[in-house]
């Protein structure tokens, strides 16, 4: 079995786990985002020495504090953070869907049609997340993550095999 097939199988396993355990996967995703935000805050502080003027240093300090403050909020109460992230994801998907619709309307050929379908589906998911918020917060992120993993696995399974030496 080649590495692409192994990766696809692992993605399917992760997708099934995320879809069957949406609360756990959403909580773990939220905690991961908190860890990433904390690391980004530390990174901003480490870049203070790169700034030559006081405005740049002030920006780095404020940015670092914002990242670390957000990370602490997320890590102290990941469940409440899931609620906020679900609303953010819904708004983000709604805006992305509208932009995809606009892109599809201005494109010609099959790509334009696919963009319109993508825009409709993405907008619909965004609307559902916003309208059902906060009630969908404890399962939606994990389920959507699982679906995205499953889609990636299908893409890997359906991709043509690589030729040796390429």
N, C-alpha and C. Protein backbone atom coordinates (compact mmCIF):
# COMPACT_ATOMS: atom_id res chain seq x y z
N UNK A 1 0.85 -1.17 0.00
CA UNK A 1 0.00 0.00 0.00
C UNK A 1 0.90 1.24 0.00
N UNK A 2 0.67 2.17 -0.93
CA UNK A 2 1.53 3.35 -1.00
C UNK A 2 1.14 4.38 0.05
N UNK A 3 1.97 5.39 0.22
CA UNK A 3 1.77 6.37 1.29
C UNK A 3 0.47 7.16 1.10
N UNK A 4 0.07 7.40 -0.15
CA UNK A 4 -1.18 8.13 -0.40
C UNK A 4 -2.37 7.34 0.13
N UNK A 5 -2.37 6.03 -0.14
CA UNK A 5 -3.48 5.17 0.33
C UNK A 5 -3.48 5.09 1.86
N UNK A 6 -2.31 4.99 2.46
CA UNK A 6 -2.23 4.96 3.93
C UNK A 6 -2.77 6.26 4.50
N UNK A 7 -2.37 7.38 3.92
CA UNK A 7 -2.87 8.68 4.38
C UNK A 7 -4.39 8.76 4.25
N UNK A 8 -4.92 8.25 3.15
CA UNK A 8 -6.37 8.27 2.93
C UNK A 8 -7.09 7.42 3.97
N UNK A 9 -6.55 6.25 4.27
CA UNK A 9 -7.16 5.38 5.27
C UNK A 9 -7.14 6.06 6.64
N UNK A 10 -6.02 6.69 6.99
CA UNK A 10 -5.92 7.41 8.26
C UNK A 10 -6.92 8.57 8.32
N UNK A 11 -7.09 9.27 7.20
CA UNK A 11 -8.07 10.35 7.15
C UNK A 11 -9.49 9.82 7.33
N UNK A 12 -9.79 8.67 6.74
CA UNK A 12 -11.13 8.08 6.92
C UNK A 12 -11.35 7.72 8.39
N UNK A 13 -10.36 7.14 9.03
CA UNK A 13 -10.47 6.78 10.45
C UNK A 13 -10.69 8.03 11.30
N UNK A 14 -9.90 9.08 11.03
CA UNK A 14 -10.06 10.33 11.77
C UNK A 14 -11.42 10.95 11.50
N UNK A 15 -11.89 10.88 10.25
CA UNK A 15 -13.20 11.44 9.90
C UNK A 15 -14.31 10.72 10.63
N UNK A 16 -14.24 9.40 10.67
CA UNK A 16 -15.26 8.62 11.37
C UNK A 16 -15.27 8.97 12.86
N UNK A 17 -14.09 9.07 13.45
CA UNK A 17 -14.00 9.43 14.87
C UNK A 17 -14.58 10.82 15.10
N UNK A 18 -14.25 11.79 14.23
CA UNK A 18 -14.75 13.15 14.40
C UNK A 18 -16.27 13.22 14.24
N UNK A 19 -16.81 12.45 13.30
CA UNK A 19 -18.25 12.48 13.06
C UNK A 19 -19.00 11.73 14.17
N UNK A 20 -18.47 10.61 14.64
CA UNK A 20 -19.13 9.85 15.69
C UNK A 20 -18.98 10.50 17.07
N UNK A 21 -17.91 11.24 17.26
CA UNK A 21 -17.65 11.92 18.53
C UNK A 21 -17.49 13.43 18.29
N UNK A 22 -18.53 14.10 17.78
CA UNK A 22 -18.39 15.51 17.40
C UNK A 22 -18.05 16.43 18.56
N UNK A 23 -18.59 16.16 19.75
CA UNK A 23 -18.30 17.01 20.89
C UNK A 23 -16.83 16.92 21.26
N UNK A 24 -16.31 15.69 21.30
CA UNK A 24 -14.90 15.50 21.65
C UNK A 24 -13.99 16.13 20.61
N UNK A 25 -14.31 15.92 19.33
CA UNK A 25 -13.44 16.49 18.29
C UNK A 25 -13.52 18.01 18.28
N UNK A 26 -14.72 18.58 18.51
CA UNK A 26 -14.84 20.04 18.56
C UNK A 26 -14.06 20.60 19.74
N UNK A 27 -14.12 19.92 20.88
CA UNK A 27 -13.38 20.39 22.05
C UNK A 27 -11.87 20.30 21.82
N UNK A 28 -11.42 19.20 21.24
CA UNK A 28 -9.99 19.06 20.95
C UNK A 28 -9.52 20.10 19.93
N UNK A 29 -10.35 20.37 18.92
CA UNK A 29 -10.01 21.43 17.95
C UNK A 29 -9.89 22.78 18.64
N UNK A 30 -10.82 23.07 19.53
CA UNK A 30 -10.80 24.34 20.24
C UNK A 30 -9.55 24.46 21.11
N UNK A 31 -9.20 23.40 21.80
CA UNK A 31 -7.99 23.41 22.63
C UNK A 31 -6.76 23.59 21.74
N UNK A 32 -6.75 22.93 20.58
CA UNK A 32 -5.65 23.11 19.63
C UNK A 32 -5.51 24.55 19.17
N UNK A 33 -6.64 25.19 18.90
CA UNK A 33 -6.61 26.60 18.49
C UNK A 33 -6.06 27.45 19.63
N UNK A 34 -6.43 27.12 20.87
CA UNK A 34 -5.88 27.86 22.02
C UNK A 34 -4.37 27.71 22.11
N UNK A 35 -3.88 26.50 21.89
CA UNK A 35 -2.43 26.28 21.92
C UNK A 35 -1.71 27.04 20.82
N UNK A 36 -2.31 27.04 19.64
CA UNK A 36 -1.72 27.78 18.51
C UNK A 36 -1.69 29.28 18.80
N UNK A 37 -2.79 29.79 19.37
CA UNK A 37 -2.84 31.22 19.70
C UNK A 37 -1.77 31.56 20.75
N UNK A 38 -1.57 30.69 21.73
CA UNK A 38 -0.55 30.94 22.74
C UNK A 38 0.84 30.99 22.11
N UNK A 39 1.12 30.03 21.23
CA UNK A 39 2.42 30.00 20.55
C UNK A 39 2.61 31.25 19.68
N UNK A 40 1.53 31.70 19.02
CA UNK A 40 1.62 32.92 18.20
C UNK A 40 1.93 34.13 19.07
N UNK A 41 1.34 34.18 20.26
CA UNK A 41 1.63 35.29 21.18
C UNK A 41 3.08 35.31 21.61
N UNK A 42 3.61 34.16 21.96
CA UNK A 42 5.03 34.05 22.32
C UNK A 42 5.88 34.49 21.13
N UNK A 43 5.49 34.06 19.94
CA UNK A 43 6.22 34.45 18.73
C UNK A 43 6.26 35.96 18.54
N UNK A 44 5.16 36.63 18.83
CA UNK A 44 5.15 38.09 18.71
C UNK A 44 6.14 38.72 19.69
N UNK A 45 6.20 38.20 20.92
CA UNK A 45 7.15 38.74 21.89
C UNK A 45 8.59 38.47 21.45
N UNK A 46 8.84 37.33 20.86
CA UNK A 46 10.19 37.01 20.40
C UNK A 46 10.62 37.93 19.25
N UNK A 47 9.68 38.49 18.53
CA UNK A 47 9.99 39.38 17.41
C UNK A 47 10.20 40.83 17.84
N UNK A 48 10.09 41.12 19.11
CA UNK A 48 10.28 42.50 19.59
C UNK A 48 11.63 43.06 19.19
N UNK A 49 12.66 42.25 19.26
CA UNK A 49 14.00 42.70 18.92
C UNK A 49 14.16 43.07 17.46
N UNK A 50 13.28 42.58 16.59
CA UNK A 50 13.36 42.88 15.17
C UNK A 50 12.81 44.27 14.83
N UNK A 51 12.06 44.86 15.76
CA UNK A 51 11.44 46.16 15.49
C UNK A 51 12.41 47.28 15.81
N UNK A 52 12.49 48.24 14.90
CA UNK A 52 13.46 49.33 15.08
C UNK A 52 12.83 50.55 15.74
N UNK A 53 11.50 50.68 15.70
CA UNK A 53 10.89 51.86 16.30
C UNK A 53 9.89 51.46 17.39
N UNK A 54 9.51 52.44 18.19
CA UNK A 54 8.64 52.16 19.33
C UNK A 54 7.22 51.77 18.90
N UNK A 55 6.76 52.29 17.75
CA UNK A 55 5.43 51.90 17.29
C UNK A 55 5.39 50.42 16.93
N UNK A 56 6.41 49.94 16.27
CA UNK A 56 6.49 48.53 15.92
C UNK A 56 6.56 47.66 17.15
N UNK A 57 7.35 48.09 18.15
CA UNK A 57 7.44 47.33 19.39
C UNK A 57 6.10 47.31 20.12
N UNK A 58 5.40 48.45 20.13
CA UNK A 58 4.09 48.52 20.77
C UNK A 58 3.11 47.57 20.07
N UNK A 59 3.14 47.55 18.74
CA UNK A 59 2.27 46.63 18.00
C UNK A 59 2.56 45.19 18.38
N UNK A 60 3.81 44.82 18.45
CA UNK A 60 4.18 43.44 18.79
C UNK A 60 3.71 43.08 20.20
N UNK A 61 3.89 44.00 21.16
CA UNK A 61 3.45 43.74 22.53
C UNK A 61 1.94 43.57 22.59
N UNK A 62 1.20 44.50 21.97
CA UNK A 62 -0.26 44.42 21.98
C UNK A 62 -0.75 43.16 21.27
N UNK A 63 -0.13 42.84 20.16
CA UNK A 63 -0.51 41.65 19.41
C UNK A 63 -0.23 40.40 20.24
N UNK A 64 0.94 40.34 20.87
CA UNK A 64 1.29 39.20 21.71
C UNK A 64 0.33 39.05 22.88
N UNK A 65 -0.02 40.16 23.52
CA UNK A 65 -0.96 40.11 24.64
C UNK A 65 -2.34 39.65 24.18
N UNK A 66 -2.76 40.11 23.01
CA UNK A 66 -4.06 39.71 22.47
C UNK A 66 -4.09 38.20 22.19
N UNK A 67 -3.05 37.70 21.54
CA UNK A 67 -2.97 36.26 21.27
C UNK A 67 -2.98 35.46 22.57
N UNK A 68 -2.14 35.84 23.52
CA UNK A 68 -2.04 35.09 24.77
C UNK A 68 -3.32 35.21 25.58
N UNK A 69 -3.93 36.41 25.60
CA UNK A 69 -5.20 36.58 26.32
C UNK A 69 -6.29 35.70 25.72
N UNK A 70 -6.37 35.69 24.40
CA UNK A 70 -7.35 34.82 23.73
C UNK A 70 -7.08 33.36 24.02
N UNK A 71 -5.82 32.99 24.00
CA UNK A 71 -5.44 31.59 24.28
C UNK A 71 -5.85 31.19 25.69
N UNK A 72 -5.61 32.07 26.64
CA UNK A 72 -5.97 31.76 28.03
C UNK A 72 -7.49 31.60 28.16
N UNK A 73 -8.25 32.50 27.52
CA UNK A 73 -9.71 32.40 27.53
C UNK A 73 -10.15 31.05 26.96
N UNK A 74 -9.58 30.68 25.83
CA UNK A 74 -9.94 29.42 25.18
C UNK A 74 -9.57 28.23 26.04
N UNK A 75 -8.37 28.24 26.60
CA UNK A 75 -7.89 27.08 27.35
C UNK A 75 -8.55 26.94 28.72
N UNK A 76 -8.98 28.05 29.31
CA UNK A 76 -9.67 27.99 30.60
C UNK A 76 -11.08 27.42 30.42
N UNK A 77 -11.76 27.81 29.35
CA UNK A 77 -13.12 27.34 29.14
C UNK A 77 -13.35 26.99 27.67
N UNK A 78 -12.86 25.83 27.25
CA UNK A 78 -12.96 25.46 25.83
C UNK A 78 -14.41 25.29 25.35
N UNK A 79 -15.33 24.93 26.25
CA UNK A 79 -16.72 24.73 25.84
C UNK A 79 -17.34 26.07 25.43
N UNK A 80 -17.20 27.10 26.25
CA UNK A 80 -17.70 28.42 25.86
C UNK A 80 -17.00 28.93 24.61
N UNK A 81 -15.73 28.60 24.48
CA UNK A 81 -14.99 29.00 23.30
C UNK A 81 -15.52 28.32 22.05
N UNK A 82 -15.97 27.07 22.18
CA UNK A 82 -16.59 26.37 21.05
C UNK A 82 -17.82 27.13 20.55
N UNK A 83 -18.58 27.66 21.48
CA UNK A 83 -19.79 28.41 21.11
C UNK A 83 -19.40 29.63 20.27
N UNK A 84 -18.38 30.35 20.71
CA UNK A 84 -17.92 31.53 19.95
C UNK A 84 -17.34 31.13 18.60
N UNK A 85 -16.55 30.07 18.58
CA UNK A 85 -15.94 29.62 17.33
C UNK A 85 -16.99 29.13 16.33
N UNK A 86 -18.07 28.54 16.83
CA UNK A 86 -19.13 28.09 15.93
C UNK A 86 -19.80 29.27 15.25
N UNK A 87 -20.07 30.33 15.99
CA UNK A 87 -20.65 31.52 15.39
C UNK A 87 -19.69 32.14 14.38
N UNK A 88 -18.41 32.21 14.74
CA UNK A 88 -17.40 32.73 13.82
C UNK A 88 -17.34 31.90 12.55
N UNK A 89 -17.35 30.56 12.70
CA UNK A 89 -17.30 29.68 11.52
C UNK A 89 -18.54 29.88 10.65
N UNK A 90 -19.70 30.04 11.26
CA UNK A 90 -20.91 30.26 10.49
C UNK A 90 -20.85 31.55 9.67
N UNK A 91 -20.40 32.62 10.30
CA UNK A 91 -20.27 33.90 9.59
C UNK A 91 -19.22 33.80 8.49
N UNK A 92 -18.10 33.15 8.80
CA UNK A 92 -17.04 32.98 7.81
C UNK A 92 -17.53 32.19 6.61
N UNK A 93 -18.24 31.09 6.83
CA UNK A 93 -18.76 30.29 5.73
C UNK A 93 -19.81 31.04 4.93
N UNK A 94 -20.62 31.82 5.59
CA UNK A 94 -21.63 32.61 4.89
C UNK A 94 -20.96 33.62 3.97
N UNK A 95 -19.98 34.34 4.48
CA UNK A 95 -19.26 35.33 3.66
C UNK A 95 -18.52 34.63 2.52
N UNK A 96 -17.85 33.51 2.82
CA UNK A 96 -17.13 32.78 1.78
C UNK A 96 -18.09 32.30 0.70
N UNK A 97 -19.26 31.81 1.10
CA UNK A 97 -20.25 31.34 0.14
C UNK A 97 -20.74 32.44 -0.78
N UNK A 98 -21.00 33.61 -0.22
CA UNK A 98 -21.44 34.75 -1.03
C UNK A 98 -20.35 35.15 -2.01
N UNK A 99 -19.10 35.16 -1.55
CA UNK A 99 -17.99 35.51 -2.43
C UNK A 99 -17.84 34.47 -3.54
N UNK A 100 -18.05 33.20 -3.22
CA UNK A 100 -17.97 32.13 -4.21
C UNK A 100 -19.10 32.26 -5.24
N UNK A 101 -20.29 32.66 -4.77
CA UNK A 101 -21.41 32.90 -5.69
C UNK A 101 -21.08 34.03 -6.66
N UNK A 102 -20.50 35.10 -6.14
CA UNK A 102 -20.13 36.23 -7.00
C UNK A 102 -19.07 35.80 -8.00
N UNK A 103 -18.12 35.00 -7.56
CA UNK A 103 -17.08 34.51 -8.45
C UNK A 103 -17.68 33.63 -9.54
N UNK A 104 -18.59 32.75 -9.16
CA UNK A 104 -19.22 31.86 -10.12
C UNK A 104 -20.08 32.60 -11.12
N UNK A 105 -20.73 33.67 -10.67
CA UNK A 105 -21.59 34.44 -11.56
C UNK A 105 -20.78 35.16 -12.62
N UNK A 106 -19.54 35.51 -12.30
CA UNK A 106 -18.71 36.23 -13.27
C UNK A 106 -17.86 35.30 -14.13
N UNK A 107 -17.83 34.01 -13.80
CA UNK A 107 -17.02 33.05 -14.56
C UNK A 107 -17.88 32.40 -15.64
N UNK A 108 -17.20 31.84 -16.62
CA UNK A 108 -17.93 31.14 -17.67
C UNK A 108 -17.52 29.68 -17.70
N UNK A 109 -18.36 28.85 -18.27
CA UNK A 109 -18.03 27.44 -18.41
C UNK A 109 -18.35 26.63 -17.17
N UNK A 110 -17.88 25.39 -17.15
CA UNK A 110 -18.18 24.49 -16.03
C UNK A 110 -17.63 24.98 -14.69
N UNK A 111 -16.50 25.66 -14.73
CA UNK A 111 -15.92 26.16 -13.47
C UNK A 111 -16.86 27.15 -12.80
N UNK A 112 -17.53 27.97 -13.59
CA UNK A 112 -18.47 28.93 -13.03
C UNK A 112 -19.64 28.22 -12.37
N UNK A 113 -20.14 27.18 -13.02
CA UNK A 113 -21.24 26.41 -12.45
C UNK A 113 -20.86 25.74 -11.15
N UNK A 114 -19.65 25.18 -11.11
CA UNK A 114 -19.17 24.54 -9.88
C UNK A 114 -19.00 25.56 -8.76
N UNK A 115 -18.54 26.76 -9.11
CA UNK A 115 -18.39 27.81 -8.11
C UNK A 115 -19.75 28.21 -7.54
N UNK A 116 -20.75 28.25 -8.40
CA UNK A 116 -22.09 28.61 -7.92
C UNK A 116 -22.63 27.52 -6.98
N UNK A 117 -22.45 26.26 -7.34
CA UNK A 117 -22.88 25.17 -6.47
C UNK A 117 -22.12 25.23 -5.14
N UNK A 118 -20.82 25.44 -5.20
CA UNK A 118 -20.00 25.56 -4.00
C UNK A 118 -20.49 26.74 -3.15
N UNK A 119 -20.78 27.86 -3.79
CA UNK A 119 -21.25 29.04 -3.07
C UNK A 119 -22.59 28.81 -2.40
N UNK A 120 -23.49 28.12 -3.08
CA UNK A 120 -24.81 27.84 -2.50
C UNK A 120 -24.66 26.93 -1.28
N UNK A 121 -23.89 25.84 -1.43
CA UNK A 121 -23.71 24.91 -0.32
C UNK A 121 -22.98 25.56 0.86
N UNK A 122 -21.92 26.30 0.58
CA UNK A 122 -21.16 26.95 1.64
C UNK A 122 -22.02 27.99 2.36
N UNK A 123 -22.78 28.78 1.59
CA UNK A 123 -23.68 29.77 2.20
C UNK A 123 -24.74 29.10 3.05
N UNK A 124 -25.28 28.00 2.55
CA UNK A 124 -26.32 27.28 3.29
C UNK A 124 -25.79 26.76 4.62
N UNK A 125 -24.60 26.19 4.61
CA UNK A 125 -23.99 25.71 5.86
C UNK A 125 -23.77 26.88 6.82
N UNK A 126 -23.26 28.00 6.29
CA UNK A 126 -23.05 29.18 7.11
C UNK A 126 -24.35 29.69 7.73
N UNK A 127 -25.41 29.76 6.92
CA UNK A 127 -26.71 30.21 7.43
C UNK A 127 -27.21 29.27 8.51
N UNK A 128 -27.10 27.96 8.27
CA UNK A 128 -27.55 26.98 9.27
C UNK A 128 -26.79 27.13 10.59
N UNK A 129 -25.49 27.34 10.51
CA UNK A 129 -24.70 27.51 11.74
C UNK A 129 -25.12 28.77 12.49
N UNK A 130 -25.35 29.86 11.76
CA UNK A 130 -25.72 31.12 12.42
C UNK A 130 -27.14 31.04 12.98
N UNK A 131 -28.08 30.50 12.21
CA UNK A 131 -29.48 30.44 12.64
C UNK A 131 -29.64 29.50 13.84
N UNK A 132 -28.93 28.40 13.83
CA UNK A 132 -29.06 27.41 14.90
C UNK A 132 -28.14 27.71 16.09
N UNK A 133 -27.32 28.74 15.98
CA UNK A 133 -26.40 29.08 17.06
C UNK A 133 -27.19 29.58 18.26
N UNK A 134 -26.86 29.28 19.48
CA UNK A 134 -25.73 28.52 19.99
C UNK A 134 -26.01 27.02 20.15
N UNK A 135 -27.22 26.59 19.75
CA UNK A 135 -27.62 25.20 20.00
C UNK A 135 -26.80 24.18 19.24
N UNK A 136 -26.21 24.58 18.11
CA UNK A 136 -25.41 23.64 17.32
C UNK A 136 -23.94 23.65 17.69
N UNK A 137 -23.59 24.44 18.68
CA UNK A 137 -22.18 24.68 18.98
C UNK A 137 -21.43 23.46 19.48
N UNK A 138 -22.10 22.55 20.15
CA UNK A 138 -21.39 21.43 20.76
C UNK A 138 -21.17 20.27 19.81
N UNK A 139 -21.72 20.31 18.61
CA UNK A 139 -21.51 19.21 17.67
C UNK A 139 -21.06 19.69 16.29
N UNK A 140 -21.39 20.91 15.92
CA UNK A 140 -21.20 21.35 14.54
C UNK A 140 -19.74 21.36 14.10
N UNK A 141 -18.87 21.94 14.91
CA UNK A 141 -17.46 22.04 14.50
C UNK A 141 -16.84 20.66 14.31
N UNK A 142 -17.10 19.75 15.23
CA UNK A 142 -16.54 18.41 15.10
C UNK A 142 -17.08 17.67 13.89
N UNK A 143 -18.37 17.82 13.64
CA UNK A 143 -18.98 17.16 12.48
C UNK A 143 -18.43 17.74 11.18
N UNK A 144 -18.37 19.06 11.08
CA UNK A 144 -17.83 19.69 9.87
C UNK A 144 -16.38 19.30 9.65
N UNK A 145 -15.61 19.22 10.72
CA UNK A 145 -14.22 18.81 10.61
C UNK A 145 -14.14 17.38 10.09
N UNK A 146 -15.00 16.51 10.61
CA UNK A 146 -15.02 15.12 10.14
C UNK A 146 -15.39 15.02 8.67
N UNK A 147 -16.36 15.80 8.23
CA UNK A 147 -16.76 15.80 6.83
C UNK A 147 -15.61 16.29 5.95
N UNK A 148 -14.91 17.33 6.41
CA UNK A 148 -13.76 17.84 5.65
C UNK A 148 -12.66 16.79 5.54
N UNK A 149 -12.40 16.06 6.62
CA UNK A 149 -11.40 15.00 6.58
C UNK A 149 -11.83 13.90 5.62
N UNK A 150 -13.10 13.54 5.65
CA UNK A 150 -13.61 12.50 4.76
C UNK A 150 -13.49 12.92 3.30
N UNK A 151 -13.80 14.19 3.01
CA UNK A 151 -13.67 14.71 1.66
C UNK A 151 -12.22 14.64 1.19
N UNK A 152 -11.29 14.97 2.07
CA UNK A 152 -9.87 14.88 1.72
C UNK A 152 -9.47 13.44 1.44
N UNK A 153 -10.02 12.51 2.21
CA UNK A 153 -9.71 11.09 1.99
C UNK A 153 -10.22 10.63 0.63
N UNK A 154 -11.43 11.03 0.28
CA UNK A 154 -11.98 10.65 -1.03
C UNK A 154 -11.11 11.21 -2.14
N UNK A 155 -10.66 12.44 -1.97
CA UNK A 155 -9.78 13.06 -2.98
C UNK A 155 -8.49 12.25 -3.13
N UNK A 156 -7.92 11.81 -2.02
CA UNK A 156 -6.70 11.01 -2.09
C UNK A 156 -6.95 9.65 -2.74
N UNK A 157 -8.07 9.02 -2.40
CA UNK A 157 -8.39 7.72 -3.01
C UNK A 157 -8.62 7.83 -4.51
N UNK A 158 -9.20 8.96 -4.94
CA UNK A 158 -9.54 9.08 -6.37
C UNK A 158 -8.44 9.69 -7.20
N UNK A 159 -7.39 10.21 -6.58
CA UNK A 159 -6.29 10.81 -7.34
C UNK A 159 -5.53 9.72 -8.09
N UNK A 160 -5.07 10.05 -9.28
CA UNK A 160 -4.29 9.05 -10.02
C UNK A 160 -3.00 8.73 -9.31
N UNK A 161 -2.55 7.51 -9.47
CA UNK A 161 -1.30 7.07 -8.83
C UNK A 161 -0.13 7.84 -9.41
N UNK A 162 0.83 8.14 -8.53
CA UNK A 162 2.03 8.84 -8.99
C UNK A 162 2.91 7.89 -9.77
N UNK A 163 3.55 8.42 -10.77
CA UNK A 163 4.48 7.63 -11.57
C UNK A 163 5.83 7.58 -10.88
N UNK A 164 6.50 6.45 -10.90
CA UNK A 164 7.84 6.38 -10.28
C UNK A 164 8.78 7.40 -10.91
N UNK A 165 9.55 8.06 -10.04
CA UNK A 165 10.53 9.03 -10.52
C UNK A 165 9.95 10.40 -10.77
N UNK A 166 8.66 10.63 -10.43
CA UNK A 166 8.09 11.96 -10.64
C UNK A 166 7.97 12.72 -9.37
